[in-house]
Amino acid sequence: WMASEFEFSGEMEGNMDFNTTISAAG
C-alpha cells in the first residue's frame, strides 16, 4: 500500500486531527 494523501489539522484548543487516503500499490 501507499499513502496517496495525508493531512494534519487542528483547532487551537483541541487534539490534532488527520485525514489519509491509502491506495493499493500492487
PDB file of all heavy atoms in Angstrom:
ATOM      1  N   TRP A   1       0.850  -1.189   0.000  1.00  0.00           N
ATOM      2  CA  TRP A   1       0.000   0.000   0.000  1.00  0.00           C
ATOM      3  C   TRP A   1       0.883   1.235   0.000  1.00  0.00           C
ATOM      4  O   TRP A   1       2.066   1.169   0.299  1.00  0.00           O
ATOM      5  CB  TRP A   1      -0.899   0.024   1.245  1.00  0.00           C
ATOM      6  CG  TRP A   1      -1.879  -1.104   1.303  1.00  0.00           C
ATOM      7  CD1 TRP A   1      -1.636  -2.377   1.742  1.00  0.00           C
ATOM      8  CD2 TRP A   1      -3.241  -1.083   0.897  1.00  0.00           C
ATOM      9  NE1 TRP A   1      -2.777  -3.139   1.640  1.00  0.00           N
ATOM     10  CE2 TRP A   1      -3.783  -2.368   1.126  1.00  0.00           C
ATOM     11  CE3 TRP A   1      -4.070  -0.102   0.371  1.00  0.00           C
ATOM     12  CZ2 TRP A   1      -5.098  -2.689   0.845  1.00  0.00           C
ATOM     13  CZ3 TRP A   1      -5.390  -0.423   0.101  1.00  0.00           C
ATOM     14  CH2 TRP A   1      -5.895  -1.712   0.334  1.00  0.00           C
ATOM     15  N   MET A   2       0.293   2.367  -0.304  1.00  0.00           N
ATOM     16  CA  MET A   2       0.983   3.654  -0.214  1.00  0.00           C
ATOM     17  C   MET A   2       0.001   4.714   0.261  1.00  0.00           C
ATOM     18  O   MET A   2      -1.202   4.624  -0.008  1.00  0.00           O
ATOM     19  CB  MET A   2       1.555   4.066  -1.569  1.00  0.00           C
ATOM     20  CG  MET A   2       0.506   4.239  -2.648  1.00  0.00           C
ATOM     21  SD  MET A   2       1.079   5.061  -4.124  1.00  0.00           S
ATOM     22  CE  MET A   2       0.940   6.749  -3.661  1.00  0.00           C
ATOM     23  N   ALA A   3       0.522   5.683   1.009  1.00  0.00           N
ATOM     24  CA  ALA A   3      -0.314   6.814   1.437  1.00  0.00           C
ATOM     25  C   ALA A   3      -0.322   7.818   0.283  1.00  0.00           C
ATOM     26  O   ALA A   3       0.677   8.481   0.025  1.00  0.00           O
ATOM     27  CB  ALA A   3       0.236   7.440   2.708  1.00  0.00           C
ATOM     28  N   SER A   4      -1.439   7.898  -0.421  1.00  0.00           N
ATOM     29  CA  SER A   4      -1.525   8.817  -1.550  1.00  0.00           C
ATOM     30  C   SER A   4      -1.903  10.225  -1.105  1.00  0.00           C
ATOM     31  O   SER A   4      -1.664  11.181  -1.841  1.00  0.00           O
ATOM     32  CB  SER A   4      -2.505   8.299  -2.605  1.00  0.00           C
ATOM     33  OG  SER A   4      -3.762   8.039  -2.039  1.00  0.00           O
ATOM     34  N   GLU A   5      -2.471  10.352   0.091  1.00  0.00           N
ATOM     35  CA  GLU A   5      -2.784  11.667   0.665  1.00  0.00           C
ATOM     36  C   GLU A   5      -2.699  11.573   2.182  1.00  0.00           C
ATOM     37  O   GLU A   5      -3.069  10.555   2.774  1.00  0.00           O
ATOM     38  CB  GLU A   5      -4.195  12.120   0.286  1.00  0.00           C
ATOM     39  CG  GLU A   5      -4.379  12.400  -1.182  1.00  0.00           C
ATOM     40  CD  GLU A   5      -5.773  12.941  -1.484  1.00  0.00           C
ATOM     41  OE1 GLU A   5      -6.329  13.693  -0.658  1.00  0.00           O
ATOM     42  OE2 GLU A   5      -6.292  12.601  -2.544  1.00  0.00           O
ATOM     43  N   PHE A   6      -2.227  12.645   2.803  1.00  0.00           N
ATOM     44  CA  PHE A   6      -2.212  12.734   4.265  1.00  0.00           C
ATOM     45  C   PHE A   6      -2.275  14.196   4.644  1.00  0.00           C
ATOM     46  O   PHE A   6      -1.597  15.028   4.048  1.00  0.00           O
ATOM     47  CB  PHE A   6      -0.948  12.102   4.861  1.00  0.00           C
ATOM     48  CG  PHE A   6      -1.013  12.017   6.357  1.00  0.00           C
ATOM     49  CD1 PHE A   6      -1.561  10.903   6.972  1.00  0.00           C
ATOM     50  CD2 PHE A   6      -0.590  13.070   7.146  1.00  0.00           C
ATOM     51  CE1 PHE A   6      -1.666  10.833   8.351  1.00  0.00           C
ATOM     52  CE2 PHE A   6      -0.699  13.015   8.524  1.00  0.00           C
ATOM     53  CZ  PHE A   6      -1.234  11.888   9.122  1.00  0.00           C
ATOM     54  N   GLU A   7      -3.093  14.504   5.650  1.00  0.00           N
ATOM     55  CA  GLU A   7      -3.241  15.892   6.091  1.00  0.00           C
ATOM     56  C   GLU A   7      -3.434  15.943   7.598  1.00  0.00           C
ATOM     57  O   GLU A   7      -4.230  15.187   8.154  1.00  0.00           O
ATOM     58  CB  GLU A   7      -4.454  16.520   5.404  1.00  0.00           C
ATOM     59  CG  GLU A   7      -4.734  17.941   5.818  1.00  0.00           C
ATOM     60  CD  GLU A   7      -5.968  18.484   5.118  1.00  0.00           C
ATOM     61  OE1 GLU A   7      -7.082  18.274   5.649  1.00  0.00           O
ATOM     62  OE2 GLU A   7      -5.816  19.098   4.055  1.00  0.00           O
ATOM     63  N   PHE A   8      -2.685  16.827   8.258  1.00  0.00           N
ATOM     64  CA  PHE A   8      -2.909  17.151   9.668  1.00  0.00           C
ATOM     65  C   PHE A   8      -3.800  18.372   9.742  1.00  0.00           C
ATOM     66  O   PHE A   8      -3.731  19.258   8.886  1.00  0.00           O
ATOM     67  CB  PHE A   8      -1.593  17.523  10.367  1.00  0.00           C
ATOM     68  CG  PHE A   8      -0.692  16.375  10.704  1.00  0.00           C
ATOM     69  CD1 PHE A   8       0.579  16.301  10.169  1.00  0.00           C
ATOM     70  CD2 PHE A   8      -1.096  15.386  11.592  1.00  0.00           C
ATOM     71  CE1 PHE A   8       1.433  15.265  10.493  1.00  0.00           C
ATOM     72  CE2 PHE A   8      -0.253  14.347  11.916  1.00  0.00           C
ATOM     73  CZ  PHE A   8       1.016  14.283  11.371  1.00  0.00           C
ATOM     74  N   SER A   9      -4.612  18.468  10.788  1.00  0.00           N
ATOM     75  CA  SER A   9      -5.381  19.677  11.059  1.00  0.00           C
ATOM     76  C   SER A   9      -5.640  19.754  12.556  1.00  0.00           C
ATOM     77  O   SER A   9      -5.497  18.762  13.279  1.00  0.00           O
ATOM     78  CB  SER A   9      -6.706  19.687  10.281  1.00  0.00           C
ATOM     79  OG  SER A   9      -7.511  18.593  10.677  1.00  0.00           O
ATOM     80  N   GLY A  10      -6.001  20.940  13.022  1.00  0.00           N
ATOM     81  CA  GLY A  10      -6.299  21.071  14.446  1.00  0.00           C
ATOM     82  C   GLY A  10      -6.767  22.461  14.818  1.00  0.00           C
ATOM     83  O   GLY A  10      -6.388  23.445  14.184  1.00  0.00           O
ATOM     84  N   GLU A  11      -7.595  22.495  15.829  1.00  0.00           N
ATOM     85  CA  GLU A  11      -8.064  23.753  16.395  1.00  0.00           C
ATOM     86  C   GLU A  11      -7.071  24.209  17.469  1.00  0.00           C
ATOM     87  O   GLU A  11      -6.271  23.412  17.969  1.00  0.00           O
ATOM     88  CB  GLU A  11      -9.450  23.565  17.029  1.00  0.00           C
ATOM     89  CG  GLU A  11     -10.518  23.109  16.053  1.00  0.00           C
ATOM     90  CD  GLU A  11     -10.885  24.185  15.058  1.00  0.00           C
ATOM     91  OE1 GLU A  11     -10.852  25.372  15.420  1.00  0.00           O
ATOM     92  OE2 GLU A  11     -11.187  23.823  13.907  1.00  0.00           O
ATOM     93  N   MET A  12      -7.160  25.470  17.856  1.00  0.00           N
ATOM     94  CA  MET A  12      -6.258  25.985  18.879  1.00  0.00           C
ATOM     95  C   MET A  12      -6.438  25.226  20.191  1.00  0.00           C
ATOM     96  O   MET A  12      -5.471  24.910  20.878  1.00  0.00           O
ATOM     97  CB  MET A  12      -6.487  27.481  19.115  1.00  0.00           C
ATOM     98  CG  MET A  12      -5.462  28.038  20.048  1.00  0.00           C
ATOM     99  SD  MET A  12      -5.359  29.829  20.286  1.00  0.00           S
ATOM    100  CE  MET A  12      -6.576  30.569  19.319  1.00  0.00           C
ATOM    101  N   GLU A  13      -7.677  24.904  20.524  1.00  0.00           N
ATOM    102  CA  GLU A  13      -7.963  24.159  21.751  1.00  0.00           C
ATOM    103  C   GLU A  13      -8.561  22.818  21.362  1.00  0.00           C
ATOM    104  O   GLU A  13      -9.752  22.698  21.134  1.00  0.00           O
ATOM    105  CB  GLU A  13      -8.936  24.933  22.632  1.00  0.00           C
ATOM    106  CG  GLU A  13      -8.359  26.203  23.197  1.00  0.00           C
ATOM    107  CD  GLU A  13      -9.341  26.894  24.125  1.00  0.00           C
ATOM    108  OE1 GLU A  13     -10.433  26.361  24.377  1.00  0.00           O
ATOM    109  OE2 GLU A  13      -9.005  27.983  24.597  1.00  0.00           O
ATOM    110  N   GLY A  14      -7.741  21.825  21.278  1.00  0.00           N
ATOM    111  CA  GLY A  14      -8.235  20.511  20.919  1.00  0.00           C
ATOM    112  C   GLY A  14      -7.112  19.626  20.414  1.00  0.00           C
ATOM    113  O   GLY A  14      -5.980  20.067  20.238  1.00  0.00           O
ATOM    114  N   ASN A  15      -7.449  18.396  20.181  1.00  0.00           N
ATOM    115  CA  ASN A  15      -6.468  17.433  19.689  1.00  0.00           C
ATOM    116  C   ASN A  15      -6.237  17.621  18.196  1.00  0.00           C
ATOM    117  O   ASN A  15      -7.098  18.114  17.476  1.00  0.00           O
ATOM    118  CB  ASN A  15      -6.954  16.002  19.946  1.00  0.00           C
ATOM    119  CG  ASN A  15      -7.029  15.674  21.408  1.00  0.00           C
ATOM    120  OD1 ASN A  15      -6.239  16.168  22.203  1.00  0.00           O
ATOM    121  ND2 ASN A  15      -7.978  14.843  21.784  1.00  0.00           N
ATOM    122  N   MET A  16      -5.060  17.197  17.765  1.00  0.00           N
ATOM    123  CA  MET A  16      -4.737  17.271  16.346  1.00  0.00           C
ATOM    124  C   MET A  16      -5.464  16.150  15.607  1.00  0.00           C
ATOM    125  O   MET A  16      -5.515  15.015  16.071  1.00  0.00           O
ATOM    126  CB  MET A  16      -3.227  17.143  16.146  1.00  0.00           C
ATOM    127  CG  MET A  16      -2.814  17.427  14.736  1.00  0.00           C
ATOM    128  SD  MET A  16      -1.060  17.784  14.536  1.00  0.00           S
ATOM    129  CE  MET A  16      -0.308  16.328  15.209  1.00  0.00           C
ATOM    130  N   ASP A  17      -6.042  16.500  14.465  1.00  0.00           N
ATOM    131  CA  ASP A  17      -6.761  15.548  13.629  1.00  0.00           C
ATOM    132  C   ASP A  17      -5.908  15.179  12.417  1.00  0.00           C
ATOM    133  O   ASP A  17      -4.927  15.848  12.100  1.00  0.00           O
ATOM    134  CB  ASP A  17      -8.069  16.164  13.124  1.00  0.00           C
ATOM    135  CG  ASP A  17      -9.048  16.472  14.250  1.00  0.00           C
ATOM    136  OD1 ASP A  17      -9.127  15.683  15.199  1.00  0.00           O
ATOM    137  OD2 ASP A  17      -9.725  17.511  14.153  1.00  0.00           O
ATOM    138  N   PHE A  18      -6.311  14.114  11.726  1.00  0.00           N
ATOM    139  CA  PHE A  18      -5.664  13.747  10.480  1.00  0.00           C
ATOM    140  C   PHE A  18      -6.685  13.145   9.527  1.00  0.00           C
ATOM    141  O   PHE A  18      -7.727  12.648   9.934  1.00  0.00           O
ATOM    142  CB  PHE A  18      -4.494  12.775  10.709  1.00  0.00           C
ATOM    143  CG  PHE A  18      -4.930  11.360  11.007  1.00  0.00           C
ATOM    144  CD1 PHE A  18      -4.951  10.407  10.000  1.00  0.00           C
ATOM    145  CD2 PHE A  18      -5.308  10.985  12.283  1.00  0.00           C
ATOM    146  CE1 PHE A  18      -5.353   9.104  10.273  1.00  0.00           C
ATOM    147  CE2 PHE A  18      -5.700   9.686  12.561  1.00  0.00           C
ATOM    148  CZ  PHE A  18      -5.735   8.745  11.551  1.00  0.00           C
ATOM    149  N   ASN A  19      -6.359  13.224   8.245  1.00  0.00           N
ATOM    150  CA  ASN A  19      -7.111  12.571   7.166  1.00  0.00           C
ATOM    151  C   ASN A  19      -6.085  11.873   6.291  1.00  0.00           C
ATOM    152  O   ASN A  19      -5.027  12.442   6.013  1.00  0.00           O
ATOM    153  CB  ASN A  19      -7.852  13.594   6.288  1.00  0.00           C
ATOM    154  CG  ASN A  19      -8.956  14.279   7.030  1.00  0.00           C
ATOM    155  OD1 ASN A  19      -9.885  13.635   7.475  1.00  0.00           O
ATOM    156  ND2 ASN A  19      -8.853  15.589   7.168  1.00  0.00           N
ATOM    157  N   THR A  20      -6.404  10.658   5.849  1.00  0.00           N
ATOM    158  CA  THR A  20      -5.475   9.957   4.977  1.00  0.00           C
ATOM    159  C   THR A  20      -6.211   9.119   3.944  1.00  0.00           C
ATOM    160  O   THR A  20      -7.332   8.661   4.196  1.00  0.00           O
ATOM    161  CB  THR A  20      -4.502   9.063   5.785  1.00  0.00           C
ATOM    162  OG1 THR A  20      -3.483   8.568   4.916  1.00  0.00           O
ATOM    163  CG2 THR A  20      -5.207   7.907   6.469  1.00  0.00           C
ATOM    164  N   THR A  21      -5.594   8.969   2.806  1.00  0.00           N
ATOM    165  CA  THR A  21      -6.042   8.049   1.771  1.00  0.00           C
ATOM    166  C   THR A  21      -4.888   7.100   1.505  1.00  0.00           C
ATOM    167  O   THR A  21      -3.760   7.536   1.252  1.00  0.00           O
ATOM    168  CB  THR A  21      -6.418   8.790   0.483  1.00  0.00           C
ATOM    169  OG1 THR A  21      -7.486   9.702   0.772  1.00  0.00           O
ATOM    170  CG2 THR A  21      -6.858   7.823  -0.607  1.00  0.00           C
ATOM    171  N   ILE A  22      -5.170   5.808   1.583  1.00  0.00           N
ATOM    172  CA  ILE A  22      -4.153   4.779   1.412  1.00  0.00           C
ATOM    173  C   ILE A  22      -4.604   3.891   0.254  1.00  0.00           C
ATOM    174  O   ILE A  22      -5.677   3.294   0.304  1.00  0.00           O
ATOM    175  CB  ILE A  22      -3.974   3.979   2.714  1.00  0.00           C
ATOM    176  CG1 ILE A  22      -3.586   4.934   3.856  1.00  0.00           C
ATOM    177  CG2 ILE A  22      -2.943   2.874   2.541  1.00  0.00           C
ATOM    178  CD1 ILE A  22      -3.638   4.319   5.241  1.00  0.00           C
ATOM    179  N   SER A  23      -3.785   3.845  -0.792  1.00  0.00           N
ATOM    180  CA  SER A  23      -4.144   3.133  -2.015  1.00  0.00           C
ATOM    181  C   SER A  23      -3.273   1.901  -2.206  1.00  0.00           C
ATOM    182  O   SER A  23      -2.100   1.895  -1.835  1.00  0.00           O
ATOM    183  CB  SER A  23      -3.956   4.052  -3.225  1.00  0.00           C
ATOM    184  OG  SER A  23      -4.758   5.205  -3.097  1.00  0.00           O
ATOM    185  N   ALA A  24      -3.855   0.870  -2.811  1.00  0.00           N
ATOM    186  CA  ALA A  24      -3.089  -0.338  -3.123  1.00  0.00           C
ATOM    187  C   ALA A  24      -1.952   0.039  -4.060  1.00  0.00           C
ATOM    188  O   ALA A  24      -2.142   0.777  -5.020  1.00  0.00           O
ATOM    189  CB  ALA A  24      -3.981  -1.389  -3.762  1.00  0.00           C
ATOM    190  N   ALA A  25      -0.749  -0.495  -3.759  1.00  0.00           N
ATOM    191  CA  ALA A  25       0.437  -0.197  -4.556  1.00  0.00           C
ATOM    192  C   ALA A  25       0.916  -1.418  -5.336  1.00  0.00           C
ATOM    193  O   ALA A  25       1.998  -1.407  -5.899  1.00  0.00           O
ATOM    194  CB  ALA A  25       1.552   0.336  -3.656  1.00  0.00           C
ATOM    195  N   GLY A  26       0.113  -2.454  -5.340  1.00  0.00           N
ATOM    196  CA  GLY A  26       0.453  -3.688  -6.047  1.00  0.00           C
ATOM    197  C   GLY A  26      -0.660  -4.690  -5.829  1.00  0.00           C
ATOM    198  O   GLY A  26      -1.669  -4.385  -5.169  1.00  0.00           O
TER     199      GLY A  26
END
